[in-house]
């Protein structure tokens, strides 16, 4: 059960980080850093998807 709890906590933290990056992305829109933030958000999406798959197992 602790594994499930740990995974859920990691998903929650990742979603919070993604939300934070999305807010920052708005501030750096149309600047050279925009792509960097988009890439970070994409990687977090991949991590969240992976963690949810792990949770379903």
PDB file of N, CA and C in Angstrom:
ATOM      1  N   UNK A   1       0.819  -1.204   0.000  1.00  0.00           N
ATOM      2  CA  UNK A   1       0.000   0.000   0.000  1.00  0.00           C
ATOM      3  C   UNK A   1       0.859   1.262   0.000  1.00  0.00           C
ATOM      4  N   UNK A   2       2.014   1.207   0.629  1.00  0.00           N
ATOM      5  CA  UNK A   2       2.868   2.395   0.669  1.00  0.00           C
ATOM      6  C   UNK A   2       3.386   2.749  -0.716  1.00  0.00           C
ATOM      7  N   UNK A   3       3.606   1.737  -1.572  1.00  0.00           N
ATOM      8  CA  UNK A   3       4.030   2.033  -2.937  1.00  0.00           C
ATOM      9  C   UNK A   3       2.968   2.859  -3.648  1.00  0.00           C
ATOM     10  N   UNK A   4       1.714   2.461  -3.490  1.00  0.00           N
ATOM     11  CA  UNK A   4       0.612   3.191  -4.116  1.00  0.00           C
ATOM     12  C   UNK A   4       0.567   4.629  -3.596  1.00  0.00           C
ATOM     13  N   UNK A   5       0.728   4.789  -2.304  1.00  0.00           N
ATOM     14  CA  UNK A   5       0.709   6.116  -1.698  1.00  0.00           C
ATOM     15  C   UNK A   5       1.869   6.968  -2.215  1.00  0.00           C
ATOM     16  N   UNK A   6       3.046   6.354  -2.327  1.00  0.00           N
ATOM     17  CA  UNK A   6       4.217   7.079  -2.841  1.00  0.00           C
ATOM     18  C   UNK A   6       4.005   7.503  -4.282  1.00  0.00           C
ATOM     19  N   UNK A   7       3.467   6.621  -5.088  1.00  0.00           N
ATOM     20  CA  UNK A   7       3.218   6.948  -6.496  1.00  0.00           C
ATOM     21  C   UNK A   7       2.198   8.067  -6.601  1.00  0.00           C
ATOM     22  N   UNK A   8       1.133   7.982  -5.806  1.00  0.00           N
ATOM     23  CA  UNK A   8       0.112   9.038  -5.828  1.00  0.00           C
ATOM     24  C   UNK A   8       0.711  10.379  -5.416  1.00  0.00           C
ATOM     25  N   UNK A   9       1.598  10.366  -4.437  1.00  0.00           N
ATOM     26  CA  UNK A   9       2.251  11.595  -3.988  1.00  0.00           C
ATOM     27  C   UNK A   9       3.152  12.159  -5.088  1.00  0.00           C
ATOM     28  N   UNK A  10       3.849  11.280  -5.791  1.00  0.00           N
ATOM     29  CA  UNK A  10       4.715  11.729  -6.889  1.00  0.00           C
ATOM     30  C   UNK A  10       3.885  12.316  -8.033  1.00  0.00           C
ATOM     31  N   UNK A  11       2.734  11.708  -8.310  1.00  0.00           N
ATOM     32  CA  UNK A  11       1.847  12.240  -9.347  1.00  0.00           C
ATOM     33  C   UNK A  11       1.372  13.634  -8.951  1.00  0.00           C
ATOM     34  N   UNK A  12       0.945  13.780  -7.684  1.00  0.00           N
ATOM     35  CA  UNK A  12       0.451  15.076  -7.207  1.00  0.00           C
ATOM     36  C   UNK A  12       1.539  16.141  -7.310  1.00  0.00           C
ATOM     37  N   UNK A  13       2.751  15.809  -6.867  1.00  0.00           N
ATOM     38  CA  UNK A  13       3.873  16.761  -6.933  1.00  0.00           C
ATOM     39  C   UNK A  13       4.173  17.136  -8.379  1.00  0.00           C
ATOM     40  N   UNK A  14       4.157  16.145  -9.268  1.00  0.00           N
ATOM     41  CA  UNK A  14       4.435  16.391 -10.682  1.00  0.00           C
ATOM     42  C   UNK A  14       3.377  17.294 -11.292  1.00  0.00           C
ATOM     43  N   UNK A  15       2.125  17.064 -10.931  1.00  0.00           N
ATOM     44  CA  UNK A  15       1.044  17.914 -11.445  1.00  0.00           C
ATOM     45  C   UNK A  15       1.169  19.344 -10.919  1.00  0.00           C
ATOM     46  N   UNK A  16       1.596  19.491  -9.671  1.00  0.00           N
ATOM     47  CA  UNK A  16       1.809  20.831  -9.110  1.00  0.00           C
ATOM     48  C   UNK A  16       2.954  21.542  -9.824  1.00  0.00           C
ATOM     49  N   UNK A  17       4.023  20.810 -10.095  1.00  0.00           N
ATOM     50  CA  UNK A  17       5.163  21.383 -10.809  1.00  0.00           C
ATOM     51  C   UNK A  17       4.748  21.794 -12.218  1.00  0.00           C
ATOM     52  N   UNK A  18       3.971  20.948 -12.874  1.00  0.00           N
ATOM     53  CA  UNK A  18       3.496  21.262 -14.227  1.00  0.00           C
ATOM     54  C   UNK A  18       2.658  22.540 -14.209  1.00  0.00           C
ATOM     55  N   UNK A  19       1.769  22.662 -13.249  1.00  0.00           N
ATOM     56  CA  UNK A  19       0.928  23.861 -13.153  1.00  0.00           C
ATOM     57  C   UNK A  19       1.789  25.108 -12.957  1.00  0.00           C
ATOM     58  N   UNK A  20       2.799  24.992 -12.134  1.00  0.00           N
ATOM     59  CA  UNK A  20       3.712  26.105 -11.891  1.00  0.00           C
ATOM     60  C   UNK A  20       4.450  26.493 -13.185  1.00  0.00           C
ATOM     61  N   UNK A  21       4.921  25.477 -13.906  1.00  0.00           N
ATOM     62  CA  UNK A  21       5.638  25.749 -15.161  1.00  0.00           C
ATOM     63  C   UNK A  21       4.717  26.364 -16.207  1.00  0.00           C
ATOM     64  N   UNK A  22       3.460  25.943 -16.216  1.00  0.00           N
ATOM     65  CA  UNK A  22       2.509  26.510 -17.183  1.00  0.00           C
ATOM     66  C   UNK A  22       2.277  27.993 -16.913  1.00  0.00           C
ATOM     67  N   UNK A  23       2.253  28.370 -15.647  1.00  0.00           N
ATOM     68  CA  UNK A  23       2.107  29.786 -15.292  1.00  0.00           C
ATOM     69  C   UNK A  23       3.348  30.558 -15.759  1.00  0.00           C
ATOM     70  N   UNK A  24       4.523  29.992 -15.500  1.00  0.00           N
ATOM     71  CA  UNK A  24       5.758  30.646 -15.927  1.00  0.00           C
ATOM     72  C   UNK A  24       5.862  30.707 -17.447  1.00  0.00           C
ATOM     73  N   UNK A  25       5.323  29.687 -18.109  1.00  0.00           N
ATOM     74  CA  UNK A  25       5.348  29.653 -19.572  1.00  0.00           C
ATOM     75  C   UNK A  25       4.626  30.865 -20.151  1.00  0.00           C
ATOM     76  N   UNK A  26       3.526  31.240 -19.528  1.00  0.00           N
ATOM     77  CA  UNK A  26       2.784  32.416 -19.984  1.00  0.00           C
ATOM     78  C   UNK A  26       3.654  33.672 -19.925  1.00  0.00           C
ATOM     79  N   UNK A  27       4.508  33.735 -18.913  1.00  0.00           N
ATOM     80  CA  UNK A  27       5.366  34.911 -18.738  1.00  0.00           C
ATOM     81  C   UNK A  27       6.519  34.944 -19.742  1.00  0.00           C
ATOM     82  N   UNK A  28       6.946  33.778 -20.219  1.00  0.00           N
ATOM     83  CA  UNK A  28       8.081  33.732 -21.155  1.00  0.00           C
ATOM     84  C   UNK A  28       7.636  33.474 -22.592  1.00  0.00           C
ATOM     85  N   UNK A  29       6.338  33.566 -22.832  1.00  0.00           N
ATOM     86  CA  UNK A  29       5.815  33.350 -24.182  1.00  0.00           C
ATOM     87  C   UNK A  29       6.504  34.308 -25.162  1.00  0.00           C
ATOM     88  N   UNK A  30       6.790  33.786 -26.320  1.00  0.00           N
ATOM     89  CA  UNK A  30       7.446  34.554 -27.392  1.00  0.00           C
ATOM     90  C   UNK A  30       8.852  35.015 -27.022  1.00  0.00           C
ATOM     91  N   UNK A  31       9.511  34.260 -26.160  1.00  0.00           N
ATOM     92  CA  UNK A  31      10.915  34.526 -25.840  1.00  0.00           C
ATOM     93  C   UNK A  31      11.695  33.238 -26.114  1.00  0.00           C
ATOM     94  N   UNK A  32      13.006  33.334 -26.130  1.00  0.00           N
ATOM     95  CA  UNK A  32      13.812  32.126 -26.378  1.00  0.00           C
ATOM     96  C   UNK A  32      13.593  31.015 -25.339  1.00  0.00           C
ATOM     97  N   UNK A  33      13.157  31.349 -24.152  1.00  0.00           N
ATOM     98  CA  UNK A  33      12.966  30.349 -23.088  1.00  0.00           C
ATOM     99  C   UNK A  33      11.665  29.578 -23.231  1.00  0.00           C
ATOM    100  N   UNK A  34      10.781  30.028 -24.102  1.00  0.00           N
ATOM    101  CA  UNK A  34       9.479  29.377 -24.260  1.00  0.00           C
ATOM    102  C   UNK A  34       9.623  27.890 -24.596  1.00  0.00           C
ATOM    103  N   UNK A  35      10.498  27.563 -25.534  1.00  0.00           N
ATOM    104  CA  UNK A  35      10.683  26.166 -25.924  1.00  0.00           C
ATOM    105  C   UNK A  35      11.206  25.321 -24.773  1.00  0.00           C
ATOM    106  N   UNK A  36      12.080  25.899 -23.964  1.00  0.00           N
ATOM    107  CA  UNK A  36      12.635  25.195 -22.807  1.00  0.00           C
ATOM    108  C   UNK A  36      11.512  24.800 -21.832  1.00  0.00           C
ATOM    109  N   UNK A  37      10.602  25.720 -21.570  1.00  0.00           N
ATOM    110  CA  UNK A  37       9.493  25.441 -20.666  1.00  0.00           C
ATOM    111  C   UNK A  37       8.542  24.411 -21.265  1.00  0.00           C
ATOM    112  N   UNK A  38       8.285  24.518 -22.559  1.00  0.00           N
ATOM    113  CA  UNK A  38       7.408  23.544 -23.217  1.00  0.00           C
ATOM    114  C   UNK A  38       7.995  22.145 -23.123  1.00  0.00           C
ATOM    115  N   UNK A  39       9.298  22.023 -23.290  1.00  0.00           N
ATOM    116  CA  UNK A  39       9.965  20.728 -23.205  1.00  0.00           C
ATOM    117  C   UNK A  39       9.859  20.166 -21.779  1.00  0.00           C
ATOM    118  N   UNK A  40      10.061  21.026 -20.791  1.00  0.00           N
ATOM    119  CA  UNK A  40       9.948  20.570 -19.404  1.00  0.00           C
ATOM    120  C   UNK A  40       8.536  20.083 -19.102  1.00  0.00           C
ATOM    121  N   UNK A  41       7.533  20.798 -19.587  1.00  0.00           N
ATOM    122  CA  UNK A  41       6.139  20.406 -19.373  1.00  0.00           C
ATOM    123  C   UNK A  41       5.850  19.078 -20.067  1.00  0.00           C
ATOM    124  N   UNK A  42       6.380  18.909 -21.266  1.00  0.00           N
ATOM    125  CA  UNK A  42       6.198  17.659 -22.003  1.00  0.00           C
ATOM    126  C   UNK A  42       6.809  16.480 -21.237  1.00  0.00           C
ATOM    127  N   UNK A  43       7.995  16.681 -20.690  1.00  0.00           N
ATOM    128  CA  UNK A  43       8.662  15.621 -19.920  1.00  0.00           C
ATOM    129  C   UNK A  43       7.862  15.275 -18.657  1.00  0.00           C
ATOM    130  N   UNK A  44       7.301  16.281 -18.012  1.00  0.00           N
ATOM    131  CA  UNK A  44       6.478  16.037 -16.828  1.00  0.00           C
ATOM    132  C   UNK A  44       5.221  15.262 -17.215  1.00  0.00           C
ATOM    133  N   UNK A  45       4.623  15.601 -18.357  1.00  0.00           N
ATOM    134  CA  UNK A  45       3.457  14.852 -18.837  1.00  0.00           C
ATOM    135  C   UNK A  45       3.808  13.377 -19.031  1.00  0.00           C
ATOM    136  N   UNK A  46       4.986  13.120 -19.596  1.00  0.00           N
ATOM    137  CA  UNK A  46       5.434  11.742 -19.804  1.00  0.00           C
ATOM    138  C   UNK A  46       5.619  11.041 -18.460  1.00  0.00           C
ATOM    139  N   UNK A  47       6.206  11.733 -17.494  1.00  0.00           N
ATOM    140  CA  UNK A  47       6.412  11.162 -16.164  1.00  0.00           C
ATOM    141  C   UNK A  47       5.071  10.839 -15.504  1.00  0.00           C
ATOM    142  N   UNK A  48       4.125  11.749 -15.591  1.00  0.00           N
ATOM    143  CA  UNK A  48       2.806  11.535 -14.995  1.00  0.00           C
ATOM    144  C   UNK A  48       2.131  10.324 -15.640  1.00  0.00           C
ATOM    145  N   UNK A  49       2.208  10.225 -16.965  1.00  0.00           N
ATOM    146  CA  UNK A  49       1.614   9.085 -17.673  1.00  0.00           C
ATOM    147  C   UNK A  49       2.254   7.777 -17.204  1.00  0.00           C
ATOM    148  N   UNK A  50       3.574   7.791 -17.068  1.00  0.00           N
ATOM    149  CA  UNK A  50       4.293   6.597 -16.619  1.00  0.00           C
ATOM    150  C   UNK A  50       3.876   6.222 -15.191  1.00  0.00           C
ATOM    151  N   UNK A  51       3.788   7.204 -14.308  1.00  0.00           N
ATOM    152  CA  UNK A  51       3.402   6.937 -12.922  1.00  0.00           C
ATOM    153  C   UNK A  51       1.977   6.400 -12.839  1.00  0.00           C
ATOM    154  N   UNK A  52       1.086   6.927 -13.668  1.00  0.00           N
ATOM    155  CA  UNK A  52      -0.309   6.442 -13.666  1.00  0.00           C
ATOM    156  C   UNK A  52      -0.377   4.998 -14.161  1.00  0.00           C
ATOM    157  N   UNK A  53       0.467   4.666 -15.154  1.00  0.00           N
ATOM    158  CA  UNK A  53       0.528   3.276 -15.620  1.00  0.00           C
ATOM    159  C   UNK A  53       1.021   2.387 -14.482  1.00  0.00           C
ATOM    160  N   UNK A  54       2.026   2.840 -13.778  1.00  0.00           N
ATOM    161  CA  UNK A  54       2.594   2.088 -12.663  1.00  0.00           C
ATOM    162  C   UNK A  54       1.537   1.881 -11.576  1.00  0.00           C
ATOM    163  N   UNK A  55       0.717   2.884 -11.370  1.00  0.00           N
ATOM    164  CA  UNK A  55      -0.329   2.825 -10.365  1.00  0.00           C
ATOM    165  C   UNK A  55      -1.401   1.797 -10.747  1.00  0.00           C
ATOM    166  N   UNK A  56      -1.669   1.681 -12.042  1.00  0.00           N
ATOM    167  CA  UNK A  56      -2.686   0.755 -12.539  1.00  0.00           C
ATOM    168  C   UNK A  56      -2.246  -0.710 -12.477  1.00  0.00           C
ATOM    169  N   UNK A  57      -0.940  -0.936 -12.358  1.00  0.00           N
ATOM    170  CA  UNK A  57      -0.442  -2.317 -12.332  1.00  0.00           C
ATOM    171  C   UNK A  57      -0.769  -3.053 -11.061  1.00  0.00           C
TER     172      UNK A  57
END
